[in-house]
Every structure is written in C-alpha cells, then in structure tokens.
C-alpha cells in the first residue's frame, strides 16, 4: 500500500509518515517506486498467505552458465529484502545455441 494509506490506517498523518521516510525513521519497509512510497508492513502480513517464487531465464543454451549467476542474484536480493523464496524456476529461452545459419 502507499505510505499515505498506511499512515491513515495507523492513525498517523501522511505528512508525518513522509517525514519519517525522508529522515530514515520509518518503522516499516518502504521502498520508493517512481513517485510512490510503498509500505510493506511485515507485522501485519500472514506468513501462510502464499508462496514466493524466484525466476531466472536466459535466451539460449550457450548462456546456461549465466543461469546459475542469475539465480544467485535473485536469491541474494530476496534475502537482503527479507523475502523467503519457496521455489526457484529456471528457463532456457530456446533449444538453439545462438549460432544459427540464418542469423550469421
């Protein structure tokens, strides 16, 4: 939810929540997405609500070694932001090796 809605649900003025965000005193996670400040209140979330999924994809089979690096980056991002990943899905975009005669 956005920070103004969160503030009103907590009986706080939106200006106070914005000041907390600017000064780094926000009591919940609040990343900025464009002009919006999105609030993620971990205490109010139901941990059994659903599952999370990590997804990594490469375009061709000759990039398979990059797939492991991408999975590591996705898992590092999730851990850094407090997410638990229940499952990881990987995909190779095509069965071709990138050295097609029509492309060359």
N, C-alpha and C. Protein backbone atom coordinates (compact mmCIF):
# COMPACT_ATOMS: atom_id res chain seq x y z
N UNK A 1 0.84 -1.18 0.00
CA UNK A 1 0.00 0.00 0.00
C UNK A 1 0.88 1.24 0.00
N UNK A 2 0.34 2.34 -0.43
CA UNK A 2 1.17 3.54 -0.44
C UNK A 2 1.27 4.13 0.97
N UNK A 3 2.22 5.00 1.17
CA UNK A 3 2.52 5.50 2.51
C UNK A 3 1.38 6.32 3.11
N UNK A 4 0.64 7.05 2.29
CA UNK A 4 -0.47 7.84 2.82
C UNK A 4 -1.57 6.93 3.37
N UNK A 5 -1.92 5.89 2.63
CA UNK A 5 -2.94 4.95 3.11
C UNK A 5 -2.47 4.23 4.37
N UNK A 6 -1.19 3.86 4.39
CA UNK A 6 -0.65 3.20 5.58
C UNK A 6 -0.72 4.12 6.79
N UNK A 7 -0.34 5.39 6.58
CA UNK A 7 -0.36 6.35 7.69
C UNK A 7 -1.76 6.51 8.25
N UNK A 8 -2.75 6.65 7.38
CA UNK A 8 -4.12 6.80 7.85
C UNK A 8 -4.61 5.56 8.57
N UNK A 9 -4.19 4.37 8.12
CA UNK A 9 -4.60 3.13 8.81
C UNK A 9 -3.96 3.01 10.18
N UNK A 10 -2.84 3.70 10.40
CA UNK A 10 -2.13 3.67 11.68
C UNK A 10 -2.45 4.89 12.55
N UNK A 11 -3.44 5.71 12.12
CA UNK A 11 -3.81 6.96 12.81
C UNK A 11 -2.63 7.93 12.90
N UNK A 12 -1.91 8.02 11.79
CA UNK A 12 -0.78 8.94 11.67
C UNK A 12 -1.07 9.84 10.48
N UNK A 13 -0.69 11.10 10.57
CA UNK A 13 -0.87 11.99 9.44
C UNK A 13 0.09 11.60 8.33
N UNK A 14 -0.33 11.64 7.04
CA UNK A 14 0.56 11.30 5.93
C UNK A 14 1.83 12.13 5.90
N UNK A 15 1.75 13.39 6.33
CA UNK A 15 2.94 14.24 6.36
C UNK A 15 3.97 13.71 7.35
N UNK A 16 3.49 13.16 8.46
CA UNK A 16 4.40 12.59 9.46
C UNK A 16 5.10 11.36 8.88
N UNK A 17 4.33 10.51 8.20
CA UNK A 17 4.93 9.32 7.58
C UNK A 17 5.97 9.71 6.54
N UNK A 18 5.69 10.75 5.76
CA UNK A 18 6.65 11.19 4.75
C UNK A 18 7.92 11.74 5.41
N UNK A 19 7.75 12.48 6.50
CA UNK A 19 8.91 12.99 7.22
C UNK A 19 9.75 11.83 7.77
N UNK A 20 9.08 10.80 8.31
CA UNK A 20 9.80 9.63 8.80
C UNK A 20 10.57 8.97 7.66
N UNK A 21 9.95 8.88 6.48
CA UNK A 21 10.61 8.27 5.33
C UNK A 21 11.86 9.07 4.95
N UNK A 22 11.72 10.39 4.86
CA UNK A 22 12.84 11.25 4.46
C UNK A 22 14.00 11.16 5.44
N UNK A 23 13.71 11.04 6.72
CA UNK A 23 14.76 11.02 7.74
C UNK A 23 15.24 9.61 8.08
N UNK A 24 14.65 8.61 7.42
CA UNK A 24 15.08 7.23 7.66
C UNK A 24 14.54 6.62 8.93
N UNK A 25 13.45 7.15 9.47
CA UNK A 25 12.89 6.66 10.73
C UNK A 25 11.60 5.87 10.54
N UNK A 26 11.32 5.47 9.31
CA UNK A 26 10.08 4.73 9.03
C UNK A 26 10.15 3.38 9.75
N UNK A 27 9.12 3.01 10.54
CA UNK A 27 9.19 1.77 11.32
C UNK A 27 8.94 0.50 10.50
N UNK A 28 8.65 0.65 9.21
CA UNK A 28 8.39 -0.49 8.33
C UNK A 28 9.19 -0.31 7.06
N UNK A 29 9.31 -1.39 6.27
CA UNK A 29 10.00 -1.29 4.98
C UNK A 29 9.18 -0.41 4.06
N UNK A 30 9.84 0.52 3.37
CA UNK A 30 9.14 1.44 2.50
C UNK A 30 10.02 1.83 1.31
N UNK A 31 10.10 0.97 0.28
CA UNK A 31 10.88 1.34 -0.90
C UNK A 31 10.12 2.35 -1.76
N UNK A 32 10.85 3.12 -2.52
CA UNK A 32 10.23 4.11 -3.40
C UNK A 32 10.10 3.52 -4.80
N UNK A 33 8.92 3.66 -5.40
CA UNK A 33 8.66 3.18 -6.76
C UNK A 33 8.17 4.36 -7.58
N UNK A 34 9.08 5.00 -8.29
CA UNK A 34 8.70 6.20 -9.03
C UNK A 34 8.44 7.32 -8.03
N UNK A 35 7.24 7.87 -8.06
CA UNK A 35 6.85 8.93 -7.13
C UNK A 35 6.16 8.38 -5.88
N UNK A 36 5.84 7.09 -5.88
CA UNK A 36 5.13 6.48 -4.75
C UNK A 36 6.11 5.89 -3.75
N UNK A 37 5.74 5.97 -2.49
CA UNK A 37 6.46 5.28 -1.43
C UNK A 37 5.56 4.12 -1.02
N UNK A 38 6.02 2.91 -1.28
CA UNK A 38 5.22 1.72 -0.99
C UNK A 38 5.63 1.15 0.36
N UNK A 39 4.64 0.92 1.20
CA UNK A 39 4.90 0.44 2.55
C UNK A 39 4.59 -1.04 2.62
N UNK A 40 5.53 -1.78 3.19
CA UNK A 40 5.34 -3.22 3.39
C UNK A 40 5.42 -3.47 4.88
N UNK A 41 4.28 -3.64 5.52
CA UNK A 41 4.21 -3.86 6.95
C UNK A 41 4.34 -5.35 7.22
N UNK A 42 5.53 -5.80 7.61
CA UNK A 42 5.79 -7.23 7.82
C UNK A 42 4.99 -7.80 8.99
N UNK A 43 4.70 -6.99 9.98
CA UNK A 43 3.98 -7.49 11.15
C UNK A 43 2.54 -7.85 10.84
N UNK A 44 1.93 -7.17 9.87
CA UNK A 44 0.53 -7.43 9.57
C UNK A 44 0.33 -8.49 8.50
N UNK A 45 1.42 -8.98 7.90
CA UNK A 45 1.28 -9.97 6.85
C UNK A 45 1.11 -11.36 7.42
N UNK A 46 0.32 -12.17 6.74
CA UNK A 46 0.09 -13.56 7.12
C UNK A 46 1.18 -14.41 6.48
N UNK A 47 2.04 -15.06 7.26
CA UNK A 47 3.12 -15.83 6.66
C UNK A 47 2.63 -17.04 5.88
N UNK A 48 1.42 -17.51 6.11
CA UNK A 48 0.88 -18.65 5.41
C UNK A 48 0.05 -18.23 4.20
N UNK A 49 0.09 -16.96 3.86
CA UNK A 49 -0.77 -16.43 2.80
C UNK A 49 -0.46 -17.02 1.42
N UNK A 50 0.77 -17.24 1.12
CA UNK A 50 1.13 -17.74 -0.20
C UNK A 50 2.58 -18.16 -0.22
N UNK A 51 3.06 -18.40 -1.39
CA UNK A 51 4.46 -18.78 -1.52
C UNK A 51 5.14 -17.83 -2.50
N UNK A 52 6.44 -17.74 -2.39
CA UNK A 52 7.18 -16.88 -3.29
C UNK A 52 8.03 -17.72 -4.23
N UNK A 53 8.32 -17.13 -5.36
CA UNK A 53 8.98 -17.85 -6.43
C UNK A 53 10.12 -17.00 -6.98
N UNK A 54 11.28 -17.60 -7.17
CA UNK A 54 12.39 -16.94 -7.84
C UNK A 54 12.43 -17.43 -9.28
N UNK A 55 12.64 -16.51 -10.23
CA UNK A 55 12.61 -16.87 -11.65
C UNK A 55 13.84 -16.31 -12.35
N UNK A 56 14.51 -17.15 -13.10
CA UNK A 56 15.67 -16.72 -13.89
C UNK A 56 15.57 -17.34 -15.28
N UNK A 57 15.99 -16.58 -16.30
CA UNK A 57 15.86 -17.05 -17.69
C UNK A 57 17.03 -16.56 -18.50
N UNK A 58 17.50 -17.40 -19.38
CA UNK A 58 18.49 -17.00 -20.38
C UNK A 58 17.89 -17.24 -21.76
N UNK A 59 18.44 -16.58 -22.76
CA UNK A 59 17.86 -16.64 -24.10
C UNK A 59 18.25 -17.88 -24.89
N UNK A 60 19.44 -18.39 -24.65
CA UNK A 60 19.90 -19.53 -25.46
C UNK A 60 20.71 -20.49 -24.60
N UNK A 61 20.91 -21.68 -25.14
CA UNK A 61 21.58 -22.72 -24.36
C UNK A 61 23.06 -22.43 -24.12
N UNK A 62 23.69 -21.60 -24.95
CA UNK A 62 25.10 -21.28 -24.70
C UNK A 62 25.28 -20.30 -23.55
N UNK A 63 24.18 -19.84 -22.95
CA UNK A 63 24.24 -18.94 -21.80
C UNK A 63 23.87 -19.64 -20.50
N UNK A 64 23.87 -20.97 -20.50
CA UNK A 64 23.45 -21.71 -19.31
C UNK A 64 24.28 -21.39 -18.08
N UNK A 65 25.57 -21.10 -18.24
CA UNK A 65 26.39 -20.77 -17.08
C UNK A 65 25.93 -19.47 -16.44
N UNK A 66 25.32 -18.57 -17.21
CA UNK A 66 24.78 -17.34 -16.64
C UNK A 66 23.54 -17.59 -15.80
N UNK A 67 22.87 -18.69 -16.04
CA UNK A 67 21.64 -19.01 -15.31
C UNK A 67 21.92 -19.17 -13.82
N UNK A 68 22.98 -19.85 -13.46
CA UNK A 68 23.33 -20.02 -12.05
C UNK A 68 23.65 -18.68 -11.39
N UNK A 69 24.33 -17.82 -12.12
CA UNK A 69 24.66 -16.48 -11.60
C UNK A 69 23.39 -15.67 -11.36
N UNK A 70 22.42 -15.77 -12.28
CA UNK A 70 21.16 -15.06 -12.12
C UNK A 70 20.38 -15.58 -10.92
N UNK A 71 20.35 -16.89 -10.74
CA UNK A 71 19.66 -17.48 -9.59
C UNK A 71 20.29 -16.97 -8.30
N UNK A 72 21.61 -16.91 -8.25
CA UNK A 72 22.30 -16.41 -7.06
C UNK A 72 21.93 -14.95 -6.79
N UNK A 73 21.85 -14.14 -7.84
CA UNK A 73 21.47 -12.73 -7.66
C UNK A 73 20.05 -12.57 -7.17
N UNK A 74 19.12 -13.39 -7.71
CA UNK A 74 17.71 -13.33 -7.28
C UNK A 74 17.60 -13.72 -5.81
N UNK A 75 18.28 -14.79 -5.42
CA UNK A 75 18.23 -15.23 -4.02
C UNK A 75 18.89 -14.22 -3.08
N UNK A 76 19.98 -13.60 -3.51
CA UNK A 76 20.64 -12.58 -2.69
C UNK A 76 19.72 -11.37 -2.51
N UNK A 77 19.04 -10.95 -3.57
CA UNK A 77 18.11 -9.82 -3.48
C UNK A 77 16.98 -10.16 -2.51
N UNK A 78 16.41 -11.35 -2.63
CA UNK A 78 15.29 -11.76 -1.77
C UNK A 78 15.73 -11.79 -0.31
N UNK A 79 16.89 -12.33 -0.05
CA UNK A 79 17.38 -12.41 1.33
C UNK A 79 17.64 -11.02 1.89
N UNK A 80 18.23 -10.16 1.07
CA UNK A 80 18.54 -8.79 1.51
C UNK A 80 17.28 -8.01 1.86
N UNK A 81 16.18 -8.28 1.18
CA UNK A 81 14.94 -7.55 1.42
C UNK A 81 13.96 -8.30 2.32
N UNK A 82 14.40 -9.39 2.92
CA UNK A 82 13.57 -10.09 3.90
C UNK A 82 12.55 -11.06 3.32
N UNK A 83 12.70 -11.45 2.06
CA UNK A 83 11.77 -12.40 1.46
C UNK A 83 12.32 -13.81 1.61
N UNK A 84 11.41 -14.76 1.76
CA UNK A 84 11.85 -16.16 1.74
C UNK A 84 11.37 -16.75 0.41
N UNK A 85 12.26 -17.40 -0.29
CA UNK A 85 11.93 -17.98 -1.60
C UNK A 85 11.61 -19.45 -1.40
N UNK A 86 10.39 -19.83 -1.77
CA UNK A 86 9.95 -21.21 -1.60
C UNK A 86 10.37 -22.11 -2.76
N UNK A 87 10.51 -21.51 -3.94
CA UNK A 87 10.82 -22.30 -5.12
C UNK A 87 11.56 -21.44 -6.13
N UNK A 88 12.48 -22.03 -6.88
CA UNK A 88 13.22 -21.32 -7.93
C UNK A 88 12.92 -22.01 -9.25
N UNK A 89 12.53 -21.21 -10.25
CA UNK A 89 12.26 -21.72 -11.59
C UNK A 89 13.29 -21.14 -12.53
N UNK A 90 13.91 -21.99 -13.33
CA UNK A 90 14.86 -21.53 -14.34
C UNK A 90 14.36 -21.94 -15.71
N UNK A 91 14.75 -21.17 -16.72
CA UNK A 91 14.28 -21.43 -18.07
C UNK A 91 15.34 -21.04 -19.08
N UNK A 92 15.50 -21.86 -20.08
CA UNK A 92 16.34 -21.54 -21.23
C UNK A 92 15.37 -21.21 -22.35
N UNK A 93 15.50 -20.01 -22.92
CA UNK A 93 14.52 -19.50 -23.87
C UNK A 93 14.35 -20.33 -25.13
N UNK A 94 15.38 -20.91 -25.65
CA UNK A 94 15.24 -21.71 -26.86
C UNK A 94 16.21 -22.88 -26.79
N UNK A 95 15.96 -23.87 -27.60
CA UNK A 95 16.84 -25.02 -27.64
C UNK A 95 18.00 -24.79 -28.61
N UNK A 96 18.03 -23.66 -29.24
CA UNK A 96 19.09 -23.35 -30.19
C UNK A 96 20.30 -22.79 -29.48
N UNK A 97 21.46 -22.88 -30.10
CA UNK A 97 22.69 -22.46 -29.44
C UNK A 97 23.13 -21.03 -29.77
N UNK A 98 22.36 -20.30 -30.52
CA UNK A 98 22.73 -18.92 -30.85
C UNK A 98 23.58 -18.79 -32.09
N UNK A 99 24.03 -19.89 -32.68
CA UNK A 99 24.86 -19.86 -33.89
C UNK A 99 24.05 -20.40 -35.06
N UNK A 100 22.93 -19.78 -35.33
CA UNK A 100 22.04 -20.25 -36.40
C UNK A 100 22.55 -19.75 -37.74
N UNK A 101 22.41 -20.57 -38.75
CA UNK A 101 22.89 -20.24 -40.08
C UNK A 101 22.17 -19.00 -40.65
N UNK A 102 20.87 -18.87 -40.38
CA UNK A 102 20.13 -17.73 -40.92
C UNK A 102 20.54 -16.42 -40.25
N UNK A 103 20.98 -16.48 -39.01
CA UNK A 103 21.40 -15.27 -38.31
C UNK A 103 22.78 -14.85 -38.76
N UNK A 104 23.66 -15.81 -38.98
CA UNK A 104 25.03 -15.48 -39.38
C UNK A 104 25.01 -15.00 -40.79
